[in-house]
Protein backbone atom coordinates (compact mmCIF):
# COMPACT_ATOMS: atom_id res chain seq x y z
CA UNK A 1 -12.88 -1.24 17.34
CA UNK A 2 -14.23 -4.55 16.07
CA UNK A 3 -13.06 -8.12 16.20
CA UNK A 4 -11.55 -10.07 13.30
CA UNK A 5 -12.76 -10.06 9.71
CA UNK A 6 -15.37 -12.76 9.17
CA UNK A 7 -16.19 -13.35 5.51
CA UNK A 8 -19.29 -15.25 4.44
CA UNK A 9 -20.69 -16.12 1.04
CA UNK A 10 -24.19 -16.69 -0.18
CA UNK A 11 -24.84 -19.16 -2.98
CA UNK A 12 -24.87 -16.55 -5.78
CA UNK A 13 -21.11 -16.46 -6.38
CA UNK A 14 -19.03 -18.51 -3.91
CA UNK A 15 -16.04 -18.57 -6.28
CA UNK A 16 -15.70 -14.77 -6.04
CA UNK A 17 -15.97 -14.90 -2.25
CA UNK A 18 -13.25 -17.57 -2.18
CA UNK A 19 -10.96 -15.39 -4.30
CA UNK A 20 -11.52 -12.52 -1.85
CA UNK A 21 -10.76 -14.84 1.08
CA UNK A 22 -7.58 -16.02 -0.66
CA UNK A 23 -6.46 -12.40 -1.08
CA UNK A 24 -7.11 -11.68 2.60
CA UNK A 25 -5.55 -15.02 3.59
CA UNK A 26 -8.52 -15.93 5.75
CA UNK A 27 -10.98 -18.83 5.53
CA UNK A 28 -14.54 -18.39 4.37
CA UNK A 29 -16.98 -18.62 7.26
CA UNK A 30 -19.02 -21.80 7.47
CA UNK A 31 -22.75 -21.44 6.86
CA UNK A 32 -25.62 -23.75 5.97
CA UNK A 33 -28.12 -22.36 3.47
CA UNK A 34 -31.05 -24.68 2.94
CA UNK A 35 -34.11 -24.32 0.75
CA UNK A 36 -37.11 -26.23 2.05
CA UNK A 37 -39.63 -27.89 -0.29
CA UNK A 38 -41.91 -24.86 0.12
CA UNK A 39 -39.02 -22.64 -1.18
CA UNK A 40 -38.49 -21.02 2.22
CA UNK A 41 -34.82 -20.43 3.04
CA UNK A 42 -33.01 -21.35 6.26
CA UNK A 43 -29.57 -20.05 7.29
CA UNK A 44 -27.38 -21.27 10.13
CA UNK A 45 -23.83 -20.15 10.95
CA UNK A 46 -21.29 -22.77 11.93
CA UNK A 47 -19.62 -20.49 14.49
CA UNK A 48 -20.42 -17.39 16.53
CA UNK A 49 -19.67 -13.94 15.07
CA UNK A 50 -20.38 -12.00 18.27
CA UNK A 51 -18.42 -8.74 18.21
CA UNK A 52 -16.76 -9.54 14.86
CA UNK A 53 -16.42 -7.46 11.67
CA UNK A 54 -18.65 -9.43 9.28
CA UNK A 55 -18.72 -9.18 5.48
CA UNK A 56 -21.38 -11.01 3.46
CA UNK A 57 -20.60 -11.43 -0.24
CA UNK A 58 -23.71 -11.86 -2.37
CA UNK A 59 -24.28 -10.54 -5.86
CA UNK A 60 -27.95 -10.10 -6.76
CA UNK A 61 -27.96 -11.33 -10.33
CA UNK A 62 -30.09 -14.21 -11.64
CA UNK A 63 -31.97 -15.78 -9.85
CA UNK A 64 -32.54 -12.26 -8.55
CA UNK A 65 -35.21 -12.83 -5.93
CA UNK A 66 -33.64 -15.96 -4.47
CA UNK A 67 -30.27 -14.20 -4.20
CA UNK A 68 -31.78 -11.04 -2.73
CA UNK A 69 -33.82 -12.91 -0.13
CA UNK A 70 -30.80 -15.00 0.78
CA UNK A 71 -28.76 -11.83 1.36
CA UNK A 72 -31.45 -10.35 3.60
CA UNK A 73 -31.76 -13.51 5.70
CA UNK A 74 -27.97 -13.78 6.07
CA UNK A 75 -27.80 -10.15 7.20
CA UNK A 76 -30.43 -10.75 9.84
CA UNK A 77 -28.74 -13.98 10.93
CA UNK A 78 -25.42 -12.31 11.76
CA UNK A 79 -27.23 -9.34 13.29
CA UNK A 80 -29.12 -11.61 15.68
CA UNK A 81 -25.81 -13.32 16.51
CA UNK A 82 -24.55 -9.94 17.79
CA UNK A 83 -21.96 -9.18 15.10
CA UNK A 84 -19.94 -6.06 15.89
CA UNK A 85 -20.37 -4.59 12.41
CA UNK A 86 -22.06 -5.97 9.29
CA UNK A 87 -21.17 -5.05 5.71
CA UNK A 88 -23.20 -6.20 2.71
CA UNK A 89 -20.81 -6.77 -0.21
CA UNK A 90 -23.05 -6.64 -3.30
CA UNK A 91 -20.93 -6.44 -6.46
CA UNK A 92 -24.04 -6.17 -8.66
CA UNK A 93 -27.09 -4.49 -7.14
CA UNK A 94 -30.41 -5.61 -8.60
CA UNK A 95 -33.16 -3.18 -9.65
CA UNK A 96 -30.60 -0.39 -10.11
CA UNK A 97 -32.36 0.72 -13.30
CA UNK A 98 -35.55 1.44 -11.31
CA UNK A 99 -34.00 4.55 -9.79
CA UNK A 100 -36.63 7.21 -10.48
CA UNK A 101 -40.35 7.79 -10.93
CA UNK A 102 -40.22 8.73 -14.60
CA UNK A 103 -43.87 8.03 -15.41
CA UNK A 104 -47.15 7.89 -13.44
CA UNK A 105 -47.99 4.94 -11.19
CA UNK A 106 -44.54 3.29 -11.10
CA UNK A 107 -42.29 2.45 -8.11
CA UNK A 108 -38.72 3.46 -7.29
CA UNK A 109 -37.64 -0.11 -6.63
CA UNK A 110 -33.94 0.67 -6.13
CA UNK A 111 -34.91 2.68 -3.05
CA UNK A 112 -36.95 -0.26 -1.75
CA UNK A 113 -33.95 -2.59 -2.15
CA UNK A 114 -31.63 -0.28 -0.21
CA UNK A 115 -34.24 0.05 2.57
CA UNK A 116 -34.53 -3.73 2.80
CA UNK A 117 -30.76 -4.17 3.09
CA UNK A 118 -30.64 -1.65 5.92
CA UNK A 119 -33.64 -3.07 7.80
CA UNK A 120 -32.19 -6.59 7.53
CA UNK A 121 -29.17 -5.47 9.51
CA UNK A 122 -26.42 -4.01 7.31
CA UNK A 123 -24.33 -1.27 8.93
CA UNK A 124 -22.36 -0.64 5.73
CA UNK A 125 -22.41 -1.67 2.09
CA UNK A 126 -19.91 -2.16 -0.73
CA UNK A 127 -21.00 -2.28 -4.36
CA UNK A 128 -19.71 -1.66 -7.88
CA UNK A 129 -20.63 0.79 -10.65
CA UNK A 130 -24.22 1.65 -9.89
CA UNK A 131 -26.37 2.33 -12.94
CA UNK A 132 -27.06 5.83 -11.61
CA UNK A 133 -25.05 7.79 -9.06
CA UNK A 134 -28.12 8.98 -7.16
CA UNK A 135 -28.72 5.46 -5.84
CA UNK A 136 -25.96 6.16 -3.30
CA UNK A 137 -28.39 8.65 -1.75
CA UNK A 138 -31.00 5.93 -1.27
CA UNK A 139 -28.80 4.41 1.46
CA UNK A 140 -28.75 6.12 4.84
CA UNK A 141 -25.86 3.91 5.99
CA UNK A 142 -22.24 4.57 4.94
CA UNK A 143 -20.68 2.54 2.18
CA UNK A 144 -18.21 2.34 -0.67
CA UNK A 145 -19.39 2.52 -4.28
CA UNK A 146 -16.39 1.15 -6.12
CA UNK A 147 -15.69 1.21 -9.82
CA UNK A 148 -14.05 -1.29 -12.14
CA UNK A 149 -12.95 1.62 -14.33
CA UNK A 150 -9.30 1.42 -13.27
CA UNK A 151 -9.16 -2.36 -13.78
CA UNK A 152 -10.67 -2.15 -17.26
CA UNK A 153 -8.54 0.83 -18.26
CA UNK A 154 -5.38 -0.99 -17.17
CA UNK A 155 -6.39 -3.98 -19.29
CA UNK A 156 -7.09 -1.87 -22.38
CA UNK A 157 -3.96 0.23 -21.85
CA UNK A 158 -1.94 -2.94 -22.36
CA UNK A 159 -3.78 -3.45 -25.66
CA UNK A 160 -3.21 0.09 -26.98
CA UNK A 161 0.11 -0.57 -28.78
CA UNK A 162 -1.63 -3.08 -31.08
CA UNK A 163 -4.64 -0.82 -31.81
CA UNK A 164 -4.92 1.38 -34.91
CA UNK A 165 -6.06 4.97 -34.21
CA UNK A 166 -8.33 3.82 -31.36
CA UNK A 167 -11.49 5.69 -30.44
CA UNK A 168 -13.73 5.21 -27.39
CA UNK A 169 -17.43 4.94 -28.23
CA UNK A 170 -20.21 5.01 -25.65
CA UNK A 171 -23.14 2.69 -26.31
CA UNK A 172 -25.55 5.53 -25.47
CA UNK A 173 -25.50 9.21 -24.48
CA UNK A 174 -26.32 8.35 -20.87
CA UNK A 175 -22.84 6.85 -20.48
CA UNK A 176 -21.11 9.82 -22.15
CA UNK A 177 -19.57 11.29 -18.99
CA UNK A 178 -18.08 7.97 -17.88
CA UNK A 179 -17.06 7.27 -21.46
CA UNK A 180 -15.06 10.50 -21.48
CA UNK A 181 -13.15 9.21 -18.45
CA UNK A 182 -12.15 6.15 -20.49
CA UNK A 183 -11.08 8.33 -23.41
CA UNK A 184 -9.01 10.61 -21.18
CA UNK A 185 -7.34 7.70 -19.41
CA UNK A 186 -6.51 5.98 -22.72
CA UNK A 187 -5.65 9.27 -24.50
CA UNK A 188 -8.06 8.62 -27.35
CA UNK A 189 -10.83 10.66 -29.03
CA UNK A 190 -14.51 9.92 -28.38
CA UNK A 191 -17.67 9.17 -30.29
CA UNK A 192 -21.24 8.68 -29.07
CA UNK A 193 -24.16 6.53 -30.12
CA UNK A 194 -27.58 8.07 -29.82
CA UNK A 195 -30.37 5.65 -29.03
CA UNK A 196 -33.83 5.67 -27.53
CA UNK A 197 -35.66 3.11 -25.41
CA UNK A 198 -39.00 1.98 -26.80
CA UNK A 199 -41.54 2.53 -24.00
CA UNK A 200 -41.13 0.08 -21.11
CA UNK A 201 -39.62 -2.58 -23.33
CA UNK A 202 -36.08 -3.89 -22.86
CA UNK A 203 -35.41 -3.14 -26.54
CA UNK A 204 -33.68 0.04 -27.66
CA UNK A 205 -33.09 1.57 -31.06
CA UNK A 206 -29.69 2.93 -32.11
CA UNK A 207 -30.24 6.03 -34.22
CA UNK A 208 -26.93 7.55 -35.25
CA UNK A 209 -23.28 7.96 -34.31
CA UNK A 210 -21.79 11.29 -33.29
CA UNK A 211 -18.08 11.33 -34.06
CA UNK A 212 -15.57 9.66 -36.39
CA UNK A 213 -14.89 5.91 -36.36
CA UNK A 214 -13.95 5.32 -39.99
CA UNK A 215 -10.70 3.38 -40.34
CA UNK A 216 -10.26 3.23 -36.55
CA UNK A 217 -10.25 0.47 -33.97
CA UNK A 218 -13.26 1.06 -31.71
CA UNK A 219 -13.59 0.50 -27.95
CA UNK A 220 -17.30 0.44 -27.06
CA UNK A 221 -17.85 1.05 -23.33
CA UNK A 222 -20.91 0.64 -21.12
CA UNK A 223 -21.80 -0.21 -17.53
CA UNK A 224 -23.54 -3.52 -18.18
CA UNK A 225 -24.77 -5.88 -20.87
CA UNK A 226 -28.22 -7.30 -20.17
CA UNK A 227 -29.86 -8.74 -23.28
CA UNK A 228 -27.08 -7.42 -25.50
CA UNK A 229 -29.38 -5.44 -27.78
CA UNK A 230 -27.61 -2.11 -27.28
CA UNK A 231 -24.18 -3.63 -27.85
CA UNK A 232 -25.37 -5.47 -30.96
CA UNK A 233 -26.75 -2.26 -32.47
CA UNK A 234 -23.64 -0.32 -31.47
CA UNK A 235 -21.30 -2.80 -33.13
CA UNK A 236 -23.32 -2.94 -36.33
CA UNK A 237 -23.58 0.86 -36.42
CA UNK A 238 -19.83 1.49 -36.04
CA UNK A 239 -19.11 -1.22 -38.61
CA UNK A 240 -21.44 0.48 -41.08
CA UNK A 241 -19.48 3.68 -40.50
CA UNK A 242 -16.18 2.02 -41.40
CA UNK A 243 -14.76 0.86 -38.05
CA UNK A 244 -11.93 -1.68 -38.08
CA UNK A 245 -11.58 -4.00 -35.06
CA UNK A 246 -14.16 -3.59 -32.28
CA UNK A 247 -13.60 -4.20 -28.56
CA UNK A 248 -16.49 -4.38 -26.07
CA UNK A 249 -15.70 -3.17 -22.53
CA UNK A 250 -18.29 -3.24 -19.73
CA UNK A 251 -18.51 -3.91 -15.99
CA UNK A 252 -21.50 -6.18 -15.34
CA UNK A 253 -21.98 -9.30 -17.55
CA UNK A 254 -25.66 -9.82 -16.71
CA UNK A 255 -26.16 -11.74 -19.98
CA UNK A 256 -29.92 -12.26 -19.97
CA UNK A 257 -31.13 -14.29 -22.97
CA UNK A 258 -30.33 -13.86 -25.81
CA UNK A 259 -27.22 -11.77 -24.92
CA UNK A 260 -24.63 -14.52 -25.37
CA UNK A 261 -26.05 -15.58 -28.73
CA UNK A 262 -26.02 -11.96 -29.88
CA UNK A 263 -22.47 -11.30 -28.71
CA UNK A 264 -21.09 -14.54 -30.11
CA UNK A 265 -22.42 -13.62 -33.55
CA UNK A 266 -20.88 -10.13 -33.57
CA UNK A 267 -17.66 -9.28 -35.47
CA UNK A 268 -15.73 -8.17 -32.36
CA UNK A 269 -12.11 -8.76 -31.42
CA UNK A 270 -12.53 -9.02 -27.64
CA UNK A 271 -15.27 -8.89 -25.01
CA UNK A 272 -13.75 -7.48 -21.82
CA UNK A 273 -15.73 -7.54 -18.57
CA UNK A 274 -15.43 -8.33 -14.85
CA UNK A 275 -16.64 -10.98 -12.42
CA UNK A 276 -19.24 -8.89 -10.58
CA UNK A 277 -21.70 -11.44 -11.97
CA UNK A 278 -20.91 -15.16 -12.46
CA UNK A 279 -20.74 -16.33 -16.08
CA UNK A 280 -21.80 -19.99 -16.42
CA UNK A 281 -19.46 -22.35 -18.25
CA UNK A 282 -21.85 -22.87 -21.16
CA UNK A 283 -21.97 -19.11 -21.80
CA UNK A 284 -18.19 -18.85 -21.54
CA UNK A 285 -17.86 -21.65 -24.08
CA UNK A 286 -20.09 -19.84 -26.60
CA UNK A 287 -18.01 -16.67 -26.34
CA UNK A 288 -14.74 -18.59 -26.48
CA UNK A 289 -11.31 -16.98 -26.25
CA UNK A 290 -12.70 -13.55 -27.10
CA UNK A 291 -14.13 -13.30 -23.58
CA UNK A 292 -11.67 -11.75 -21.10
CA UNK A 293 -12.77 -11.48 -17.46
CA UNK A 294 -10.88 -9.10 -15.17
CA UNK A 295 -11.36 -10.10 -11.52
CA UNK A 296 -12.54 -7.56 -8.96
CA UNK A 297 -11.55 -9.88 -6.08
CA UNK A 298 -8.15 -8.29 -5.26
CA UNK A 299 -9.73 -4.82 -5.21
CA UNK A 300 -12.61 -5.98 -3.02
CA UNK A 301 -10.19 -7.75 -0.72
CA UNK A 302 -8.08 -4.62 -0.31
CA UNK A 303 -11.15 -2.45 0.30
CA UNK A 304 -12.38 -4.87 2.98
CA UNK A 305 -8.95 -4.81 4.65
CA UNK A 306 -8.83 -1.00 4.62
CA UNK A 307 -12.40 -0.69 5.90
CA UNK A 308 -11.57 -3.09 8.73
CA UNK A 309 -8.42 -1.18 9.66
CA UNK A 310 -10.08 2.23 9.35
CA UNK A 311 -7.85 3.35 6.46
CA UNK A 312 -8.81 5.39 3.40
CA UNK A 313 -10.29 3.58 0.42
CA UNK A 314 -9.98 6.65 -1.82
CA UNK A 315 -6.21 6.52 -1.44
CA UNK A 316 -6.29 3.36 -3.57
CA UNK A 317 -7.33 5.55 -6.49
CA UNK A 318 -5.26 8.61 -5.52
CA UNK A 319 -8.45 10.39 -4.43
């Protein structure tokens, strides 16, 4: 139906795009991305993509607005070059927390972002672990919302023999349903942390723990770590309730300041995450050997191959 797979990368995470290209055994497409002195961006492809099946890999983490604008311009560039089909591969979608109008006079920015991606030229999208499931409905184009759940569960399943009476703990009640999936997959009991967000501030307050963690190794799960406040409170709360070793498991390592400083000071055994967001070398160094990054590149590569060939993606997960 379409031509060959053409894979391009923005500047947000070229290493991830290269790992995907290596899995697919294809070269990354050549592209010039230039920022002029006035901060305007310019994009030029090295070769034509007319009639081809184009995938643009660009995560929209920090610097958020530069990376988002770059993605939009790249989408329009390949659209104007008459690409056969265009897929935006966005492992981490920015503004995903702004998914509802929960108070007067506020926007639903996640909807704006999805509209912009469509208007720029995307025919399809691929992303990972959206903060809220309803964001899928903001897109009117088809796409694949993938999850790193299986990758993280496989990693922790290998750790289970060395854990003592493990229990899965969700960092807040909002993640309870997904947390139960972790507990069922790992065959462990569950506990929950109740917290509340203080107004429009990034800070939250952990209130209490529902469940038993005393004398157990604890696996705290969440979708992302931004400033690290929720994880810090969760760790200190389970420790006060008698937890033994603590493992942190989450998908998106956003790591806004002072997340790395908070995590590095916590009494945790391992910090397990993925590469949906690049982690700079200086942050990796502060977290040391406790940081374990599970790559999403093979999964993304396989999904791209199946999408290109018109095969089921759900079959990868026995769905």
